[in-house]
Structure formats: structure tokens, C-alpha cells
């Protein structure tokens, strides 16, 4: 496994549509393993192949909605397609390819994705809250769509500070 470089907003490949994965081979497995290592090292909650310069329909999402005492885990999605969405959530969203940039984005509250695993087997997975947001965000990347295009407004860095920090800053 190896860490991959995460490309940033200046790279034109971030805005291109990714190709469908047809070969479920060792190269794909290496990509998935490298992406997982890169995601975990970044502290992010999702990563799409275009973000590491690979225009394939591959993304990873951290499942953060786990019961107390259980570990969060990575969901590998190959050729993902959102097949069901319900409800609505609105909140701040960021992206590893847009460091220090956040915007208010409206997403479904619950999303079901149909995808393939690393061996080509189809499965469905449902996510709520942050996981649903990540499913949408990462599948958007596969179509060359970035969150800044969907944001109702971008946030000023001061809007992201914790309330205690704001008080300290305001007092200073």
C-alpha cells in the first residue's frame, strides 16, 4: 500500500467524468488499498478515485454511524449508483481537494447506493446523516461535480470555529 497525492481544485481532471470499472483485478485492488491508506491518513470521511488522479468510478466512504464501542469502517464502492434518497439535511461540507474551504450544501438525509465490491459482486448499502452526505459527495466526484458548485453559500473561516474559540476571539 502507498499514500497517493490528493489533487486540488486547480487540477482539471477533478472536473471530468470517470470511466466505469470493468476489470476487477490486482490493479483495482491496489488502487482501493492505496485509497484507503490515503483516506485514513488524511482524516477525511470520503475519497473518490478522481481525487487521486484516477478517472475510474471508485470511491470510499467512512461509515461513522456506528454503535458505541464499535469502530468506524471504510465502505468500498465501485461503479456506485444512488438508487434511493429520502429526507433532507443541510449543513457545512468540505473536501480534501478544497483544503480549508467549506460551504452550506443541501443533501438527502438517507441514501441507498447500489455498487460493486472489489471482486465485482453487486451489493446495496444505506447510509444516514454524514454517511448519506458522503455517498452523495463522492458519487458527485465521479461525475466531475464538486461541492462548491452545489453550495448555497461558502463559509467564512470564522463561522467554523467552535463557540468557545469565537468567545475567546471576540474577547481578544
C-alpha atoms as a PDB file:
ATOM      1  CA  UNK A   1       0.000   0.000   0.000  1.00  0.00           C
ATOM      2  CA  UNK A   2       1.054   3.540  -0.627  1.00  0.00           C
ATOM      3  CA  UNK A   3      -0.166   7.032   0.080  1.00  0.00           C
ATOM      4  CA  UNK A   4      -1.422   8.792  -3.035  1.00  0.00           C
ATOM      5  CA  UNK A   5      -1.316  12.532  -3.624  1.00  0.00           C
ATOM      6  CA  UNK A   6      -4.704  14.201  -3.356  1.00  0.00           C
ATOM      7  CA  UNK A   7      -5.165  16.634  -6.217  1.00  0.00           C
ATOM      8  CA  UNK A   8      -6.626  20.053  -5.554  1.00  0.00           C
ATOM      9  CA  UNK A   9      -9.173  22.278  -7.260  1.00  0.00           C
ATOM     10  CA  UNK A  10      -6.678  23.574  -9.824  1.00  0.00           C
ATOM     11  CA  UNK A  11      -6.373  20.132 -11.473  1.00  0.00           C
ATOM     12  CA  UNK A  12      -8.742  19.820 -14.490  1.00  0.00           C
ATOM     13  CA  UNK A  13      -9.167  16.056 -14.041  1.00  0.00           C
ATOM     14  CA  UNK A  14     -11.245  16.777 -10.918  1.00  0.00           C
ATOM     15  CA  UNK A  15     -13.994  18.095 -13.206  1.00  0.00           C
ATOM     16  CA  UNK A  16     -14.111  15.171 -15.653  1.00  0.00           C
ATOM     17  CA  UNK A  17     -16.473  12.185 -15.735  1.00  0.00           C
ATOM     18  CA  UNK A  18     -14.941   8.907 -14.586  1.00  0.00           C
ATOM     19  CA  UNK A  19     -14.980   5.660 -16.561  1.00  0.00           C
ATOM     20  CA  UNK A  20     -16.901   2.556 -15.498  1.00  0.00           C
ATOM     21  CA  UNK A  21     -14.707  -0.139 -13.934  1.00  0.00           C
ATOM     22  CA  UNK A  22     -14.805  -3.328 -15.988  1.00  0.00           C
ATOM     23  CA  UNK A  23     -11.715  -5.170 -14.704  1.00  0.00           C
ATOM     24  CA  UNK A  24     -11.778  -6.346 -11.109  1.00  0.00           C
ATOM     25  CA  UNK A  25      -8.116  -7.249 -10.892  1.00  0.00           C
ATOM     26  CA  UNK A  26      -4.957  -6.707  -8.844  1.00  0.00           C
ATOM     27  CA  UNK A  27      -4.577  -3.138 -10.183  1.00  0.00           C
ATOM     28  CA  UNK A  28      -8.031  -2.260  -8.873  1.00  0.00           C
ATOM     29  CA  UNK A  29      -7.240  -3.880  -5.521  1.00  0.00           C
ATOM     30  CA  UNK A  30      -4.014  -1.841  -5.288  1.00  0.00           C
ATOM     31  CA  UNK A  31      -5.937   1.347  -6.067  1.00  0.00           C
ATOM     32  CA  UNK A  32      -8.503   0.534  -3.362  1.00  0.00           C
ATOM     33  CA  UNK A  33      -5.811  -0.295  -0.798  1.00  0.00           C
ATOM     34  CA  UNK A  34      -3.852   2.867  -1.598  1.00  0.00           C
ATOM     35  CA  UNK A  35      -7.009   4.986  -1.450  1.00  0.00           C
ATOM     36  CA  UNK A  36      -7.910   3.509   1.944  1.00  0.00           C
ATOM     37  CA  UNK A  37      -4.468   4.280   3.331  1.00  0.00           C
ATOM     38  CA  UNK A  38      -4.656   7.803   1.866  1.00  0.00           C
ATOM     39  CA  UNK A  39      -8.148   8.391   3.294  1.00  0.00           C
ATOM     40  CA  UNK A  40      -7.209   7.183   6.767  1.00  0.00           C
ATOM     41  CA  UNK A  41      -4.030   9.309   6.766  1.00  0.00           C
ATOM     42  CA  UNK A  42      -5.963  12.402   5.636  1.00  0.00           C
ATOM     43  CA  UNK A  43      -8.511  12.325   8.443  1.00  0.00           C
ATOM     44  CA  UNK A  44     -11.292  12.702   5.860  1.00  0.00           C
ATOM     45  CA  UNK A  45     -14.549  10.761   5.642  1.00  0.00           C
ATOM     46  CA  UNK A  46     -14.580  10.029   1.910  1.00  0.00           C
ATOM     47  CA  UNK A  47     -12.308   9.827  -1.117  1.00  0.00           C
ATOM     48  CA  UNK A  48     -13.034   9.344  -4.808  1.00  0.00           C
ATOM     49  CA  UNK A  49     -10.540   7.998  -7.358  1.00  0.00           C
ATOM     50  CA  UNK A  50     -10.531  11.271  -9.339  1.00  0.00           C
ATOM     51  CA  UNK A  51      -9.148  12.958  -6.217  1.00  0.00           C
ATOM     52  CA  UNK A  52      -6.010  10.831  -6.575  1.00  0.00           C
ATOM     53  CA  UNK A  53      -5.845  11.410 -10.331  1.00  0.00           C
ATOM     54  CA  UNK A  54      -7.564   8.195 -11.451  1.00  0.00           C
ATOM     55  CA  UNK A  55     -10.671   8.653 -13.603  1.00  0.00           C
ATOM     56  CA  UNK A  56     -12.423   5.436 -12.568  1.00  0.00           C
ATOM     57  CA  UNK A  57     -15.811   5.073 -10.856  1.00  0.00           C
ATOM     58  CA  UNK A  58     -14.343   4.133  -7.485  1.00  0.00           C
ATOM     59  CA  UNK A  59     -14.870   5.800  -4.118  1.00  0.00           C
ATOM     60  CA  UNK A  60     -14.545   5.122  -0.408  1.00  0.00           C
ATOM     61  CA  UNK A  61     -16.810   6.329   2.380  1.00  0.00           C
ATOM     62  CA  UNK A  62     -16.243   6.076   6.128  1.00  0.00           C
ATOM     63  CA  UNK A  63     -19.245   4.651   7.955  1.00  0.00           C
ATOM     64  CA  UNK A  64     -19.317   6.888  11.003  1.00  0.00           C
ATOM     65  CA  UNK A  65     -22.769   5.885  12.264  1.00  0.00           C
ATOM     66  CA  UNK A  66     -21.615   3.008  14.433  1.00  0.00           C
ATOM     67  CA  UNK A  67     -22.755   1.929  17.854  1.00  0.00           C
ATOM     68  CA  UNK A  68     -20.686   2.953  20.838  1.00  0.00           C
ATOM     69  CA  UNK A  69     -17.719   0.641  21.243  1.00  0.00           C
ATOM     70  CA  UNK A  70     -17.638  -0.261  17.540  1.00  0.00           C
ATOM     71  CA  UNK A  71     -15.030   1.059  15.126  1.00  0.00           C
ATOM     72  CA  UNK A  72     -15.816   3.198  12.116  1.00  0.00           C
ATOM     73  CA  UNK A  73     -15.045   1.386   8.866  1.00  0.00           C
ATOM     74  CA  UNK A  74     -14.451   2.070   5.188  1.00  0.00           C
ATOM     75  CA  UNK A  75     -17.070   1.152   2.567  1.00  0.00           C
ATOM     76  CA  UNK A  76     -15.595   0.461  -0.888  1.00  0.00           C
ATOM     77  CA  UNK A  77     -17.905   1.443  -3.747  1.00  0.00           C
ATOM     78  CA  UNK A  78     -17.147   0.527  -7.353  1.00  0.00           C
ATOM     79  CA  UNK A  79     -19.484   1.813 -10.078  1.00  0.00           C
ATOM     80  CA  UNK A  80     -21.820   3.267  -7.421  1.00  0.00           C
ATOM     81  CA  UNK A  81     -25.290   4.491  -8.263  1.00  0.00           C
ATOM     82  CA  UNK A  82     -27.691   6.201  -5.881  1.00  0.00           C
ATOM     83  CA  UNK A  83     -30.940   4.254  -6.217  1.00  0.00           C
ATOM     84  CA  UNK A  84     -32.954   5.819  -3.411  1.00  0.00           C
ATOM     85  CA  UNK A  85     -32.846   9.061  -1.449  1.00  0.00           C
ATOM     86  CA  UNK A  86     -35.195  10.466   1.170  1.00  0.00           C
ATOM     87  CA  UNK A  87     -35.444  13.352   3.560  1.00  0.00           C
ATOM     88  CA  UNK A  88     -33.218  16.376   3.610  1.00  0.00           C
ATOM     89  CA  UNK A  89     -30.255  17.715   5.542  1.00  0.00           C
ATOM     90  CA  UNK A  90     -28.403  20.963   5.174  1.00  0.00           C
ATOM     91  CA  UNK A  91     -25.038  21.749   6.641  1.00  0.00           C
ATOM     92  CA  UNK A  92     -21.378  22.565   6.210  1.00  0.00           C
ATOM     93  CA  UNK A  93     -19.436  20.437   3.764  1.00  0.00           C
ATOM     94  CA  UNK A  94     -15.764  20.363   2.859  1.00  0.00           C
ATOM     95  CA  UNK A  95     -13.499  18.347   0.610  1.00  0.00           C
ATOM     96  CA  UNK A  96      -9.940  17.046   0.733  1.00  0.00           C
ATOM     97  CA  UNK A  97      -9.384  18.585  -2.718  1.00  0.00           C
ATOM     98  CA  UNK A  98     -10.525  22.009  -1.445  1.00  0.00           C
ATOM     99  CA  UNK A  99      -8.486  22.432   1.747  1.00  0.00           C
ATOM    100  CA  UNK A 100      -9.846  24.974   4.222  1.00  0.00           C
ATOM    101  CA  UNK A 101     -12.967  25.628   2.101  1.00  0.00           C
ATOM    102  CA  UNK A 102     -16.452  24.868   3.386  1.00  0.00           C
ATOM    103  CA  UNK A 103     -19.917  25.597   2.118  1.00  0.00           C
ATOM    104  CA  UNK A 104     -23.534  25.004   3.086  1.00  0.00           C
ATOM    105  CA  UNK A 105     -24.854  22.118   0.971  1.00  0.00           C
ATOM    106  CA  UNK A 106     -28.299  20.521   0.934  1.00  0.00           C
ATOM    107  CA  UNK A 107     -28.277  16.703   0.645  1.00  0.00           C
ATOM    108  CA  UNK A 108     -30.708  13.832   1.259  1.00  0.00           C
ATOM    109  CA  UNK A 109     -30.857  12.601   4.874  1.00  0.00           C
ATOM    110  CA  UNK A 110     -30.879   8.935   3.859  1.00  0.00           C
ATOM    111  CA  UNK A 111     -29.365   7.381   0.724  1.00  0.00           C
ATOM    112  CA  UNK A 112     -29.207   3.853  -0.684  1.00  0.00           C
ATOM    113  CA  UNK A 113     -26.395   3.039  -3.091  1.00  0.00           C
ATOM    114  CA  UNK A 114     -26.067   0.074  -5.435  1.00  0.00           C
ATOM    115  CA  UNK A 115     -22.419  -0.709  -6.172  1.00  0.00           C
ATOM    116  CA  UNK A 116     -19.927  -3.477  -6.744  1.00  0.00           C
ATOM    117  CA  UNK A 117     -17.290  -4.699  -4.327  1.00  0.00           C
ATOM    118  CA  UNK A 118     -13.620  -5.215  -5.188  1.00  0.00           C
ATOM    119  CA  UNK A 119     -14.463  -8.601  -6.739  1.00  0.00           C
ATOM    120  CA  UNK A 120     -17.314  -7.315  -8.897  1.00  0.00           C
ATOM    121  CA  UNK A 121     -20.173  -8.588  -6.737  1.00  0.00           C
ATOM    122  CA  UNK A 122     -23.183  -6.244  -6.578  1.00  0.00           C
ATOM    123  CA  UNK A 123     -24.498  -5.058  -3.206  1.00  0.00           C
ATOM    124  CA  UNK A 124     -26.655  -2.307  -1.743  1.00  0.00           C
ATOM    125  CA  UNK A 125     -25.842  -0.154   1.258  1.00  0.00           C
ATOM    126  CA  UNK A 126     -27.880   2.519   3.024  1.00  0.00           C
ATOM    127  CA  UNK A 127     -26.429   5.458   4.898  1.00  0.00           C
ATOM    128  CA  UNK A 128     -27.924   8.218   7.007  1.00  0.00           C
ATOM    129  CA  UNK A 129     -26.651  11.599   8.127  1.00  0.00           C
ATOM    130  CA  UNK A 130     -22.957  12.098   7.420  1.00  0.00           C
ATOM    131  CA  UNK A 131     -22.707   8.772   5.586  1.00  0.00           C
ATOM    132  CA  UNK A 132     -25.565   9.767   3.251  1.00  0.00           C
ATOM    133  CA  UNK A 133     -23.857  13.122   2.673  1.00  0.00           C
ATOM    134  CA  UNK A 134     -20.599  11.331   1.825  1.00  0.00           C
ATOM    135  CA  UNK A 135     -22.297   8.903  -0.584  1.00  0.00           C
ATOM    136  CA  UNK A 136     -23.652  11.915  -2.496  1.00  0.00           C
ATOM    137  CA  UNK A 137     -20.420  13.928  -2.315  1.00  0.00           C
ATOM    138  CA  UNK A 138     -18.198  11.066  -3.514  1.00  0.00           C
ATOM    139  CA  UNK A 139     -20.514   9.902  -6.314  1.00  0.00           C
ATOM    140  CA  UNK A 140     -20.678  13.533  -7.464  1.00  0.00           C
ATOM    141  CA  UNK A 141     -16.875  13.452  -7.817  1.00  0.00           C
ATOM    142  CA  UNK A 142     -17.237  10.538 -10.243  1.00  0.00           C
ATOM    143  CA  UNK A 143     -19.334  12.794 -12.492  1.00  0.00           C
ATOM    144  CA  UNK A 144     -16.918  15.731 -12.233  1.00  0.00           C
ATOM    145  CA  UNK A 145     -19.158  17.647  -9.824  1.00  0.00           C
ATOM    146  CA  UNK A 146     -17.584  19.331  -6.803  1.00  0.00           C
ATOM    147  CA  UNK A 147     -19.360  20.589  -3.692  1.00  0.00           C
ATOM    148  CA  UNK A 148     -18.566  24.248  -4.393  1.00  0.00           C
ATOM    149  CA  UNK A 149     -20.895  24.037  -7.412  1.00  0.00           C
ATOM    150  CA  UNK A 150     -23.744  22.911  -5.127  1.00  0.00           C
ATOM    151  CA  UNK A 151     -23.098  25.124  -2.116  1.00  0.00           C
ATOM    152  CA  UNK A 152     -25.821  27.629  -1.291  1.00  0.00           C
ATOM    153  CA  UNK A 153     -23.032  29.781   0.082  1.00  0.00           C
ATOM    154  CA  UNK A 154     -19.410  29.369   1.067  1.00  0.00           C
ATOM    155  CA  UNK A 155     -18.498  29.809   4.725  1.00  0.00           C
ATOM    156  CA  UNK A 156     -16.057  32.283   6.173  1.00  0.00           C
ATOM    157  CA  UNK A 157     -13.402  30.509   8.311  1.00  0.00           C
ATOM    158  CA  UNK A 158     -14.660  32.348  11.417  1.00  0.00           C
ATOM    159  CA  UNK A 159     -18.054  30.637  11.017  1.00  0.00           C
ATOM    160  CA  UNK A 160     -16.405  27.242  11.531  1.00  0.00           C
ATOM    161  CA  UNK A 161     -14.733  27.941  14.837  1.00  0.00           C
ATOM    162  CA  UNK A 162     -16.112  26.291  17.931  1.00  0.00           C
ATOM    163  CA  UNK A 163     -18.274  28.606  20.101  1.00  0.00           C
ATOM    164  CA  UNK A 164     -15.563  28.691  22.814  1.00  0.00           C
ATOM    165  CA  UNK A 165     -12.982  29.828  20.253  1.00  0.00           C
ATOM    166  CA  UNK A 166     -15.330  32.523  18.982  1.00  0.00           C
ATOM    167  CA  UNK A 167     -15.773  33.831  22.535  1.00  0.00           C
ATOM    168  CA  UNK A 168     -12.013  33.928  23.058  1.00  0.00           C
ATOM    169  CA  UNK A 169     -11.510  35.692  19.715  1.00  0.00           C
ATOM    170  CA  UNK A 170     -14.285  38.169  20.415  1.00  0.00           C
ATOM    171  CA  UNK A 171     -12.811  38.912  23.835  1.00  0.00           C
ATOM    172  CA  UNK A 172      -9.317  39.468  22.462  1.00  0.00           C
END
